[in-house]
């Protein structure tokens, strides 16, 4: 049986500032406890890296819509991926399939990556992540490298904040040989739909099996044109967990977001015409360790 350090006793005082975190508790530090229903099923209490020998497979279906002066269109995107935790604190993942159809059709980017957690306290977790995306995003055929430092803050049984700092370098595999360095992460969507350098993803647990979230952040698409490529996304999501034997078996989610809600692409502007609807996402979890 895996153990986890997420205790329940005490009152917490969280102070956040420039990567610092202060914790004061009125109770003694909690001892490690068995990973049970309350700690596992609640989405906000999930660890940055899942327990050792956990395998997760996921798939999602999205609708992406773009409109503007340069034209527009709507596509449906299907993406599939998996991750495994072969060692404590180490997660390896792959996104081997991304396909879209609609006003355009083709294959989206795929990739391989790994994440290692090196800070694991009751309230704050931090790791290092590196991945290699490749394929096509809009008109760009590329191979790249991206990475950063994911962070997760737990606020007891009801709140979780996912953040961090990420960068990406993409290299055009066509004859032009151009390179792009951005303060962002490449998503596995089939259009230029990226995640920000500094994500701010807040989740609130409503009941054990249901949560809601709001996502924002800050990013720069191209550091060579930093003043003209700043973007701030905004999104909302809901999710639920189906448990089997007091363990999460399937996480189901849906959401809506504007990837470039506020941007400086053509001067400071709000861009509601490019949006993404996550119609459904399903994550299935399997414990190969027999815990």
C-alpha atoms as a PDB file:
ATOM      1  CA  UNK A   1       0.000   0.000   0.000  1.00  0.00           C
ATOM      2  CA  UNK A   2       1.378   3.413  -0.907  1.00  0.00           C
ATOM      3  CA  UNK A   3       1.647   6.144   1.703  1.00  0.00           C
ATOM      4  CA  UNK A   4       1.103   9.840   1.460  1.00  0.00           C
ATOM      5  CA  UNK A   5       2.054  12.751   3.688  1.00  0.00           C
ATOM      6  CA  UNK A   6      -1.083  14.814   3.231  1.00  0.00           C
ATOM      7  CA  UNK A   7      -2.238  15.182   6.852  1.00  0.00           C
ATOM      8  CA  UNK A   8      -5.608  16.478   8.006  1.00  0.00           C
ATOM      9  CA  UNK A   9      -4.922  18.023  11.433  1.00  0.00           C
ATOM     10  CA  UNK A  10      -4.039  21.609  12.319  1.00  0.00           C
ATOM     11  CA  UNK A  11      -4.793  25.069  11.026  1.00  0.00           C
ATOM     12  CA  UNK A  12      -2.634  26.349   8.204  1.00  0.00           C
ATOM     13  CA  UNK A  13      -1.292  29.768   7.317  1.00  0.00           C
ATOM     14  CA  UNK A  14      -0.092  29.978   3.747  1.00  0.00           C
ATOM     15  CA  UNK A  15       2.179  32.802   2.697  1.00  0.00           C
ATOM     16  CA  UNK A  16       3.048  32.911  -0.990  1.00  0.00           C
ATOM     17  CA  UNK A  17       5.698  35.201  -2.409  1.00  0.00           C
ATOM     18  CA  UNK A  18       8.467  34.836  -4.991  1.00  0.00           C
ATOM     19  CA  UNK A  19       8.630  31.089  -4.602  1.00  0.00           C
ATOM     20  CA  UNK A  20       8.539  31.125  -0.771  1.00  0.00           C
ATOM     21  CA  UNK A  21       6.010  29.339   1.370  1.00  0.00           C
ATOM     22  CA  UNK A  22       5.393  29.586   5.138  1.00  0.00           C
ATOM     23  CA  UNK A  23       3.435  26.990   7.084  1.00  0.00           C
ATOM     24  CA  UNK A  24       2.224  27.291  10.666  1.00  0.00           C
ATOM     25  CA  UNK A  25       0.163  24.535  12.260  1.00  0.00           C
ATOM     26  CA  UNK A  26      -1.626  24.271  15.550  1.00  0.00           C
ATOM     27  CA  UNK A  27      -1.196  20.508  15.614  1.00  0.00           C
ATOM     28  CA  UNK A  28       1.893  18.320  15.475  1.00  0.00           C
ATOM     29  CA  UNK A  29       3.047  17.260  12.008  1.00  0.00           C
ATOM     30  CA  UNK A  30       0.886  14.454  10.700  1.00  0.00           C
ATOM     31  CA  UNK A  31       2.409  11.037  10.305  1.00  0.00           C
ATOM     32  CA  UNK A  32       2.292   9.248   6.984  1.00  0.00           C
ATOM     33  CA  UNK A  33      -1.080   7.656   6.445  1.00  0.00           C
ATOM     34  CA  UNK A  34      -2.361   5.036   4.074  1.00  0.00           C
ATOM     35  CA  UNK A  35      -3.612   6.276   0.765  1.00  0.00           C
ATOM     36  CA  UNK A  36      -7.355   5.918   1.251  1.00  0.00           C
ATOM     37  CA  UNK A  37     -10.633   7.120  -0.176  1.00  0.00           C
ATOM     38  CA  UNK A  38     -10.544  10.657   1.182  1.00  0.00           C
ATOM     39  CA  UNK A  39      -6.970  11.355   0.082  1.00  0.00           C
ATOM     40  CA  UNK A  40      -7.143   9.706  -3.328  1.00  0.00           C
ATOM     41  CA  UNK A  41     -10.647  10.362  -4.576  1.00  0.00           C
ATOM     42  CA  UNK A  42     -10.563  14.085  -3.851  1.00  0.00           C
ATOM     43  CA  UNK A  43      -8.972  15.708  -6.886  1.00  0.00           C
ATOM     44  CA  UNK A  44      -7.421  18.537  -4.869  1.00  0.00           C
ATOM     45  CA  UNK A  45      -5.450  16.073  -2.736  1.00  0.00           C
ATOM     46  CA  UNK A  46      -3.770  14.255  -5.634  1.00  0.00           C
ATOM     47  CA  UNK A  47       0.004  14.360  -5.620  1.00  0.00           C
ATOM     48  CA  UNK A  48       2.089  16.050  -8.318  1.00  0.00           C
ATOM     49  CA  UNK A  49       3.349  12.554  -9.174  1.00  0.00           C
ATOM     50  CA  UNK A  50       1.007   9.605  -8.714  1.00  0.00           C
ATOM     51  CA  UNK A  51       1.950   6.615  -6.502  1.00  0.00           C
ATOM     52  CA  UNK A  52       4.617   4.262  -7.795  1.00  0.00           C
ATOM     53  CA  UNK A  53       3.500   1.660 -10.363  1.00  0.00           C
ATOM     54  CA  UNK A  54       0.393   3.620 -11.289  1.00  0.00           C
ATOM     55  CA  UNK A  55      -0.485   3.633 -14.982  1.00  0.00           C
ATOM     56  CA  UNK A  56      -2.921   6.197 -16.380  1.00  0.00           C
ATOM     57  CA  UNK A  57      -4.382   6.317 -19.868  1.00  0.00           C
ATOM     58  CA  UNK A  58      -6.296   9.357 -21.063  1.00  0.00           C
ATOM     59  CA  UNK A  59      -8.195  10.596 -24.047  1.00  0.00           C
ATOM     60  CA  UNK A  60     -10.100  13.745 -24.878  1.00  0.00           C
ATOM     61  CA  UNK A  61     -12.337  15.267 -27.520  1.00  0.00           C
ATOM     62  CA  UNK A  62     -12.172  19.010 -28.156  1.00  0.00           C
ATOM     63  CA  UNK A  63     -13.808  21.572 -30.356  1.00  0.00           C
ATOM     64  CA  UNK A  64     -11.555  24.431 -31.450  1.00  0.00           C
ATOM     65  CA  UNK A  65     -12.925  27.532 -33.142  1.00  0.00           C
ATOM     66  CA  UNK A  66     -10.990  30.403 -34.667  1.00  0.00           C
ATOM     67  CA  UNK A  67     -12.321  33.523 -36.306  1.00  0.00           C
ATOM     68  CA  UNK A  68     -10.755  36.838 -37.223  1.00  0.00           C
ATOM     69  CA  UNK A  69      -9.355  38.967 -39.995  1.00  0.00           C
ATOM     70  CA  UNK A  70      -7.157  36.134 -41.256  1.00  0.00           C
ATOM     71  CA  UNK A  71     -10.122  33.805 -41.630  1.00  0.00           C
ATOM     72  CA  UNK A  72     -11.303  31.074 -39.334  1.00  0.00           C
ATOM     73  CA  UNK A  73     -12.848  27.683 -38.963  1.00  0.00           C
ATOM     74  CA  UNK A  74     -13.847  24.936 -36.576  1.00  0.00           C
ATOM     75  CA  UNK A  75     -12.201  21.571 -36.016  1.00  0.00           C
ATOM     76  CA  UNK A  76     -12.739  18.626 -33.698  1.00  0.00           C
ATOM     77  CA  UNK A  77      -9.643  17.193 -32.106  1.00  0.00           C
ATOM     78  CA  UNK A  78      -9.092  13.758 -30.579  1.00  0.00           C
ATOM     79  CA  UNK A  79      -6.006  13.175 -28.429  1.00  0.00           C
ATOM     80  CA  UNK A  80      -4.726  10.089 -26.619  1.00  0.00           C
ATOM     81  CA  UNK A  81      -1.919   9.697 -24.089  1.00  0.00           C
ATOM     82  CA  UNK A  82      -0.590   7.611 -21.201  1.00  0.00           C
ATOM     83  CA  UNK A  83       1.739   7.925 -18.237  1.00  0.00           C
ATOM     84  CA  UNK A  84       3.432   5.524 -15.845  1.00  0.00           C
ATOM     85  CA  UNK A  85       5.231   5.975 -12.522  1.00  0.00           C
ATOM     86  CA  UNK A  86       8.000   3.315 -12.577  1.00  0.00           C
ATOM     87  CA  UNK A  87       9.885   4.773  -9.605  1.00  0.00           C
ATOM     88  CA  UNK A  88       8.909   6.865  -6.604  1.00  0.00           C
ATOM     89  CA  UNK A  89       8.610  10.534  -7.668  1.00  0.00           C
ATOM     90  CA  UNK A  90       9.297   9.790 -11.369  1.00  0.00           C
ATOM     91  CA  UNK A  91       6.589   9.938 -14.033  1.00  0.00           C
ATOM     92  CA  UNK A  92       7.123   9.113 -17.711  1.00  0.00           C
ATOM     93  CA  UNK A  93       4.460  10.009 -20.265  1.00  0.00           C
ATOM     94  CA  UNK A  94       3.686   9.928 -23.977  1.00  0.00           C
ATOM     95  CA  UNK A  95       1.125  11.603 -26.234  1.00  0.00           C
ATOM     96  CA  UNK A  96       1.256   9.304 -29.275  1.00  0.00           C
ATOM     97  CA  UNK A  97      -1.867  10.344 -31.140  1.00  0.00           C
ATOM     98  CA  UNK A  98      -3.569  13.617 -32.071  1.00  0.00           C
ATOM     99  CA  UNK A  99      -6.001  13.919 -34.955  1.00  0.00           C
ATOM    100  CA  UNK A 100      -8.361  16.665 -36.078  1.00  0.00           C
ATOM    101  CA  UNK A 101     -11.141  16.982 -38.640  1.00  0.00           C
ATOM    102  CA  UNK A 102     -13.652  19.611 -39.702  1.00  0.00           C
ATOM    103  CA  UNK A 103     -12.849  22.697 -41.759  1.00  0.00           C
ATOM    104  CA  UNK A 104      -9.335  21.220 -41.909  1.00  0.00           C
ATOM    105  CA  UNK A 105      -7.994  17.756 -41.146  1.00  0.00           C
ATOM    106  CA  UNK A 106      -4.679  16.202 -40.248  1.00  0.00           C
ATOM    107  CA  UNK A 107      -2.520  15.033 -37.384  1.00  0.00           C
ATOM    108  CA  UNK A 108      -1.563  17.205 -34.457  1.00  0.00           C
ATOM    109  CA  UNK A 109       1.661  17.181 -32.435  1.00  0.00           C
ATOM    110  CA  UNK A 110       2.787  14.196 -30.368  1.00  0.00           C
ATOM    111  CA  UNK A 111       5.487  13.928 -27.750  1.00  0.00           C
ATOM    112  CA  UNK A 112       7.424  12.157 -25.007  1.00  0.00           C
ATOM    113  CA  UNK A 113       8.326  13.487 -21.592  1.00  0.00           C
ATOM    114  CA  UNK A 114       9.215  12.888 -17.972  1.00  0.00           C
ATOM    115  CA  UNK A 115       8.614  14.617 -14.653  1.00  0.00           C
ATOM    116  CA  UNK A 116      10.530  14.210 -11.391  1.00  0.00           C
ATOM    117  CA  UNK A 117       9.321  15.522  -8.026  1.00  0.00           C
ATOM    118  CA  UNK A 118      12.071  16.757  -5.705  1.00  0.00           C
ATOM    119  CA  UNK A 119      10.025  18.708  -3.147  1.00  0.00           C
ATOM    120  CA  UNK A 120       7.201  16.848  -1.413  1.00  0.00           C
ATOM    121  CA  UNK A 121       5.787  18.478   1.703  1.00  0.00           C
ATOM    122  CA  UNK A 122       2.296  18.349   3.112  1.00  0.00           C
ATOM    123  CA  UNK A 123       1.300  21.600   1.434  1.00  0.00           C
ATOM    124  CA  UNK A 124       3.820  22.296  -1.348  1.00  0.00           C
ATOM    125  CA  UNK A 125       5.206  20.104  -4.130  1.00  0.00           C
ATOM    126  CA  UNK A 126       7.704  20.960  -6.847  1.00  0.00           C
ATOM    127  CA  UNK A 127       9.324  19.038  -9.660  1.00  0.00           C
ATOM    128  CA  UNK A 128      11.288  19.305 -12.888  1.00  0.00           C
ATOM    129  CA  UNK A 129       9.777  18.385 -16.239  1.00  0.00           C
ATOM    130  CA  UNK A 130      11.236  17.894 -19.723  1.00  0.00           C
ATOM    131  CA  UNK A 131       9.457  16.850 -22.913  1.00  0.00           C
ATOM    132  CA  UNK A 132      10.051  16.615 -26.652  1.00  0.00           C
ATOM    133  CA  UNK A 133       7.050  17.709 -28.748  1.00  0.00           C
ATOM    134  CA  UNK A 134       7.045  17.034 -32.473  1.00  0.00           C
ATOM    135  CA  UNK A 135       4.650  17.142 -35.400  1.00  0.00           C
ATOM    136  CA  UNK A 136       2.504  19.929 -36.709  1.00  0.00           C
ATOM    137  CA  UNK A 137       0.890  22.930 -35.064  1.00  0.00           C
ATOM    138  CA  UNK A 138      -0.987  24.966 -37.634  1.00  0.00           C
ATOM    139  CA  UNK A 139       1.386  25.714 -40.536  1.00  0.00           C
ATOM    140  CA  UNK A 140       4.530  24.799 -38.563  1.00  0.00           C
ATOM    141  CA  UNK A 141       6.160  21.377 -38.861  1.00  0.00           C
ATOM    142  CA  UNK A 142       8.486  21.168 -35.909  1.00  0.00           C
ATOM    143  CA  UNK A 143      10.480  19.242 -33.382  1.00  0.00           C
ATOM    144  CA  UNK A 144      11.218  20.910 -30.107  1.00  0.00           C
ATOM    145  CA  UNK A 145      12.198  20.730 -26.496  1.00  0.00           C
ATOM    146  CA  UNK A 146      10.351  22.226 -23.576  1.00  0.00           C
ATOM    147  CA  UNK A 147      10.565  22.033 -19.849  1.00  0.00           C
ATOM    148  CA  UNK A 148      10.163  23.763 -16.566  1.00  0.00           C
ATOM    149  CA  UNK A 149       9.331  23.456 -12.912  1.00  0.00           C
ATOM    150  CA  UNK A 150       5.743  22.415 -12.085  1.00  0.00           C
ATOM    151  CA  UNK A 151       4.471  23.340  -8.627  1.00  0.00           C
ATOM    152  CA  UNK A 152       1.387  22.324  -6.685  1.00  0.00           C
ATOM    153  CA  UNK A 153      -0.052  23.866  -3.526  1.00  0.00           C
ATOM    154  CA  UNK A 154      -2.628  21.961  -1.462  1.00  0.00           C
ATOM    155  CA  UNK A 155      -5.150  23.842   0.637  1.00  0.00           C
ATOM    156  CA  UNK A 156      -6.532  21.030   2.743  1.00  0.00           C
ATOM    157  CA  UNK A 157      -9.548  19.140   1.461  1.00  0.00           C
ATOM    158  CA  UNK A 158     -11.042  21.904  -0.651  1.00  0.00           C
ATOM    159  CA  UNK A 159      -8.410  23.779  -2.683  1.00  0.00           C
ATOM    160  CA  UNK A 160      -5.487  23.157  -4.990  1.00  0.00           C
ATOM    161  CA  UNK A 161      -3.326  25.509  -7.042  1.00  0.00           C
ATOM    162  CA  UNK A 162      -1.196  24.263  -9.943  1.00  0.00           C
ATOM    163  CA  UNK A 163       1.450  26.658 -11.219  1.00  0.00           C
ATOM    164  CA  UNK A 164       5.101  26.697 -12.259  1.00  0.00           C
ATOM    165  CA  UNK A 165       7.460  28.171 -14.850  1.00  0.00           C
ATOM    166  CA  UNK A 166       7.886  26.693 -18.355  1.00  0.00           C
ATOM    167  CA  UNK A 167       9.745  27.486 -21.590  1.00  0.00           C
ATOM    168  CA  UNK A 168       9.757  25.930 -25.070  1.00  0.00           C
ATOM    169  CA  UNK A 169      12.024  25.911 -28.096  1.00  0.00           C
ATOM    170  CA  UNK A 170      10.624  24.798 -31.459  1.00  0.00           C
ATOM    171  CA  UNK A 171      12.652  24.143 -34.581  1.00  0.00           C
ATOM    172  CA  UNK A 172      11.034  24.153 -38.013  1.00  0.00           C
ATOM    173  CA  UNK A 173      11.817  20.919 -39.864  1.00  0.00           C
ATOM    174  CA  UNK A 174      11.017  22.420 -43.271  1.00  0.00           C
ATOM    175  CA  UNK A 175      13.672  23.942 -45.530  1.00  0.00           C
ATOM    176  CA  UNK A 176      13.402  27.327 -43.818  1.00  0.00           C
ATOM    177  CA  UNK A 177      15.025  25.978 -40.686  1.00  0.00           C
ATOM    178  CA  UNK A 178      13.562  28.697 -38.516  1.00  0.00           C
ATOM    179  CA  UNK A 179      13.514  28.472 -34.732  1.00  0.00           C
ATOM    180  CA  UNK A 180      11.041  29.799 -32.199  1.00  0.00           C
ATOM    181  CA  UNK A 181      11.742  30.281 -28.509  1.00  0.00           C
ATOM    182  CA  UNK A 182       8.741  31.012 -26.348  1.00  0.00           C
ATOM    183  CA  UNK A 183       7.796  31.372 -22.706  1.00  0.00           C
ATOM    184  CA  UNK A 184       5.046  28.782 -23.010  1.00  0.00           C
ATOM    185  CA  UNK A 185       4.285  25.074 -23.405  1.00  0.00           C
ATOM    186  CA  UNK A 186       3.096  23.386 -26.589  1.00  0.00           C
ATOM    187  CA  UNK A 187      -0.233  21.659 -26.142  1.00  0.00           C
ATOM    188  CA  UNK A 188      -1.125  18.542 -28.139  1.00  0.00           C
ATOM    189  CA  UNK A 189      -3.914  20.395 -29.931  1.00  0.00           C
ATOM    190  CA  UNK A 190      -3.707  20.625 -33.733  1.00  0.00           C
ATOM    191  CA  UNK A 191      -3.721  24.432 -33.948  1.00  0.00           C
ATOM    192  CA  UNK A 192      -1.474  27.065 -32.328  1.00  0.00           C
ATOM    193  CA  UNK A 193      -3.080  26.388 -28.940  1.00  0.00           C
ATOM    194  CA  UNK A 194      -0.353  26.697 -26.322  1.00  0.00           C
ATOM    195  CA  UNK A 195      -0.256  26.798 -22.550  1.00  0.00           C
ATOM    196  CA  UNK A 196       1.288  29.783 -20.728  1.00  0.00           C
ATOM    197  CA  UNK A 197       4.756  30.064 -19.211  1.00  0.00           C
ATOM    198  CA  UNK A 198       3.223  30.666 -15.781  1.00  0.00           C
ATOM    199  CA  UNK A 199      -0.047  28.723 -15.476  1.00  0.00           C
ATOM    200  CA  UNK A 200      -2.463  29.542 -12.661  1.00  0.00           C
ATOM    201  CA  UNK A 201      -4.916  26.676 -12.337  1.00  0.00           C
ATOM    202  CA  UNK A 202      -7.142  26.801  -9.272  1.00  0.00           C
ATOM    203  CA  UNK A 203      -9.369  23.861  -8.315  1.00  0.00           C
ATOM    204  CA  UNK A 204     -12.062  23.721  -5.644  1.00  0.00           C
ATOM    205  CA  UNK A 205     -13.497  20.460  -4.345  1.00  0.00           C
ATOM    206  CA  UNK A 206     -17.287  20.648  -3.985  1.00  0.00           C
ATOM    207  CA  UNK A 207     -17.824  17.102  -2.687  1.00  0.00           C
ATOM    208  CA  UNK A 208     -15.528  14.071  -2.655  1.00  0.00           C
ATOM    209  CA  UNK A 209     -16.352  13.136  -6.244  1.00  0.00           C
ATOM    210  CA  UNK A 210     -16.853  16.560  -7.865  1.00  0.00           C
ATOM    211  CA  UNK A 211     -14.678  19.636  -8.401  1.00  0.00           C
ATOM    212  CA  UNK A 212     -14.625  22.879 -10.396  1.00  0.00           C
ATOM    213  CA  UNK A 213     -11.727  24.978 -11.626  1.00  0.00           C
ATOM    214  CA  UNK A 214     -10.639  28.259 -13.170  1.00  0.00           C
ATOM    215  CA  UNK A 215      -7.465  28.659 -15.230  1.00  0.00           C
ATOM    216  CA  UNK A 216      -5.414  31.718 -16.174  1.00  0.00           C
ATOM    217  CA  UNK A 217      -1.728  32.456 -16.688  1.00  0.00           C
ATOM    218  CA  UNK A 218       0.863  34.493 -18.551  1.00  0.00           C
ATOM    219  CA  UNK A 219       2.961  33.615 -21.589  1.00  0.00           C
ATOM    220  CA  UNK A 220       4.947  34.920 -24.539  1.00  0.00           C
ATOM    221  CA  UNK A 221       4.762  33.145 -27.881  1.00  0.00           C
ATOM    222  CA  UNK A 222       8.046  34.463 -29.306  1.00  0.00           C
ATOM    223  CA  UNK A 223      10.699  36.162 -27.197  1.00  0.00           C
ATOM    224  CA  UNK A 224      12.089  37.875 -30.322  1.00  0.00           C
ATOM    225  CA  UNK A 225       8.756  39.707 -30.580  1.00  0.00           C
ATOM    226  CA  UNK A 226       7.955  39.749 -26.888  1.00  0.00           C
ATOM    227  CA  UNK A 227       5.992  43.001 -27.008  1.00  0.00           C
ATOM    228  CA  UNK A 228       3.729  41.684 -29.761  1.00  0.00           C
ATOM    229  CA  UNK A 229       3.220  38.119 -28.515  1.00  0.00           C
ATOM    230  CA  UNK A 230       2.076  38.354 -24.889  1.00  0.00           C
ATOM    231  CA  UNK A 231      -1.010  36.291 -24.059  1.00  0.00           C
ATOM    232  CA  UNK A 232      -3.200  35.606 -21.038  1.00  0.00           C
ATOM    233  CA  UNK A 233      -5.623  32.664 -21.293  1.00  0.00           C
ATOM    234  CA  UNK A 234      -8.832  32.237 -19.343  1.00  0.00           C
ATOM    235  CA  UNK A 235     -10.829  29.078 -18.828  1.00  0.00           C
ATOM    236  CA  UNK A 236     -13.295  27.177 -16.666  1.00  0.00           C
ATOM    237  CA  UNK A 237     -13.704  23.458 -16.059  1.00  0.00           C
ATOM    238  CA  UNK A 238     -15.688  20.882 -14.123  1.00  0.00           C
ATOM    239  CA  UNK A 239     -14.777  17.327 -13.250  1.00  0.00           C
ATOM    240  CA  UNK A 240     -15.787  14.241 -11.367  1.00  0.00           C
ATOM    241  CA  UNK A 241     -14.273  10.974 -10.189  1.00  0.00           C
ATOM    242  CA  UNK A 242     -15.665   7.456 -10.419  1.00  0.00           C
ATOM    243  CA  UNK A 243     -14.129   5.304  -7.684  1.00  0.00           C
ATOM    244  CA  UNK A 244     -13.737   1.540  -7.407  1.00  0.00           C
ATOM    245  CA  UNK A 245     -12.699  -0.028  -4.088  1.00  0.00           C
ATOM    246  CA  UNK A 246     -12.049   3.404  -2.577  1.00  0.00           C
ATOM    247  CA  UNK A 247      -9.581   4.278  -5.332  1.00  0.00           C
ATOM    248  CA  UNK A 248     -10.056   6.605  -8.306  1.00  0.00           C
ATOM    249  CA  UNK A 249     -10.700   4.610 -11.450  1.00  0.00           C
ATOM    250  CA  UNK A 250     -11.885   7.239 -13.937  1.00  0.00           C
ATOM    251  CA  UNK A 251     -11.659  11.028 -13.833  1.00  0.00           C
ATOM    252  CA  UNK A 252     -14.108  12.741 -16.173  1.00  0.00           C
ATOM    253  CA  UNK A 253     -13.886  16.395 -17.099  1.00  0.00           C
ATOM    254  CA  UNK A 254     -15.115  19.097 -19.444  1.00  0.00           C
ATOM    255  CA  UNK A 255     -14.237  22.743 -19.888  1.00  0.00           C
ATOM    256  CA  UNK A 256     -14.118  25.926 -21.909  1.00  0.00           C
ATOM    257  CA  UNK A 257     -11.252  28.365 -22.432  1.00  0.00           C
ATOM    258  CA  UNK A 258      -9.962  31.253 -24.502  1.00  0.00           C
ATOM    259  CA  UNK A 259      -6.271  30.426 -25.141  1.00  0.00           C
ATOM    260  CA  UNK A 260      -5.403  34.036 -26.031  1.00  0.00           C
ATOM    261  CA  UNK A 261      -8.166  35.881 -24.174  1.00  0.00           C
ATOM    262  CA  UNK A 262      -5.970  38.933 -23.564  1.00  0.00           C
ATOM    263  CA  UNK A 263      -3.086  39.450 -25.980  1.00  0.00           C
ATOM    264  CA  UNK A 264      -0.835  41.991 -27.639  1.00  0.00           C
ATOM    265  CA  UNK A 265      -0.760  40.331 -31.066  1.00  0.00           C
ATOM    266  CA  UNK A 266      -2.254  43.335 -32.847  1.00  0.00           C
ATOM    267  CA  UNK A 267      -2.004  45.846 -30.069  1.00  0.00           C
ATOM    268  CA  UNK A 268      -3.488  45.216 -26.633  1.00  0.00           C
ATOM    269  CA  UNK A 269      -6.763  43.410 -27.221  1.00  0.00           C
ATOM    270  CA  UNK A 270      -9.290  40.922 -25.944  1.00  0.00           C
ATOM    271  CA  UNK A 271      -9.716  37.938 -28.278  1.00  0.00           C
ATOM    272  CA  UNK A 272     -12.960  35.993 -27.657  1.00  0.00           C
ATOM    273  CA  UNK A 273     -13.129  34.675 -31.226  1.00  0.00           C
ATOM    274  CA  UNK A 274     -10.594  31.893 -30.646  1.00  0.00           C
ATOM    275  CA  UNK A 275     -11.900  29.415 -28.115  1.00  0.00           C
ATOM    276  CA  UNK A 276     -11.590  25.785 -27.163  1.00  0.00           C
ATOM    277  CA  UNK A 277     -14.281  23.517 -25.729  1.00  0.00           C
ATOM    278  CA  UNK A 278     -13.150  20.340 -24.069  1.00  0.00           C
ATOM    279  CA  UNK A 279     -16.213  18.224 -24.712  1.00  0.00           C
ATOM    280  CA  UNK A 280     -14.944  15.335 -22.617  1.00  0.00           C
ATOM    281  CA  UNK A 281     -11.727  14.100 -21.092  1.00  0.00           C
ATOM    282  CA  UNK A 282     -11.332  10.737 -19.393  1.00  0.00           C
ATOM    283  CA  UNK A 283      -8.338   9.596 -17.319  1.00  0.00           C
ATOM    284  CA  UNK A 284      -8.287   5.929 -16.306  1.00  0.00           C
ATOM    285  CA  UNK A 285      -5.970   4.867 -13.461  1.00  0.00           C
ATOM    286  CA  UNK A 286      -4.574   1.377 -12.884  1.00  0.00           C
ATOM    287  CA  UNK A 287      -2.526   0.266  -9.876  1.00  0.00           C
ATOM    288  CA  UNK A 288       0.058  -2.277 -11.059  1.00  0.00           C
ATOM    289  CA  UNK A 289       1.634  -2.446  -7.633  1.00  0.00           C
ATOM    290  CA  UNK A 290      -1.294  -4.299  -6.151  1.00  0.00           C
ATOM    291  CA  UNK A 291      -1.686  -1.737  -3.341  1.00  0.00           C
END
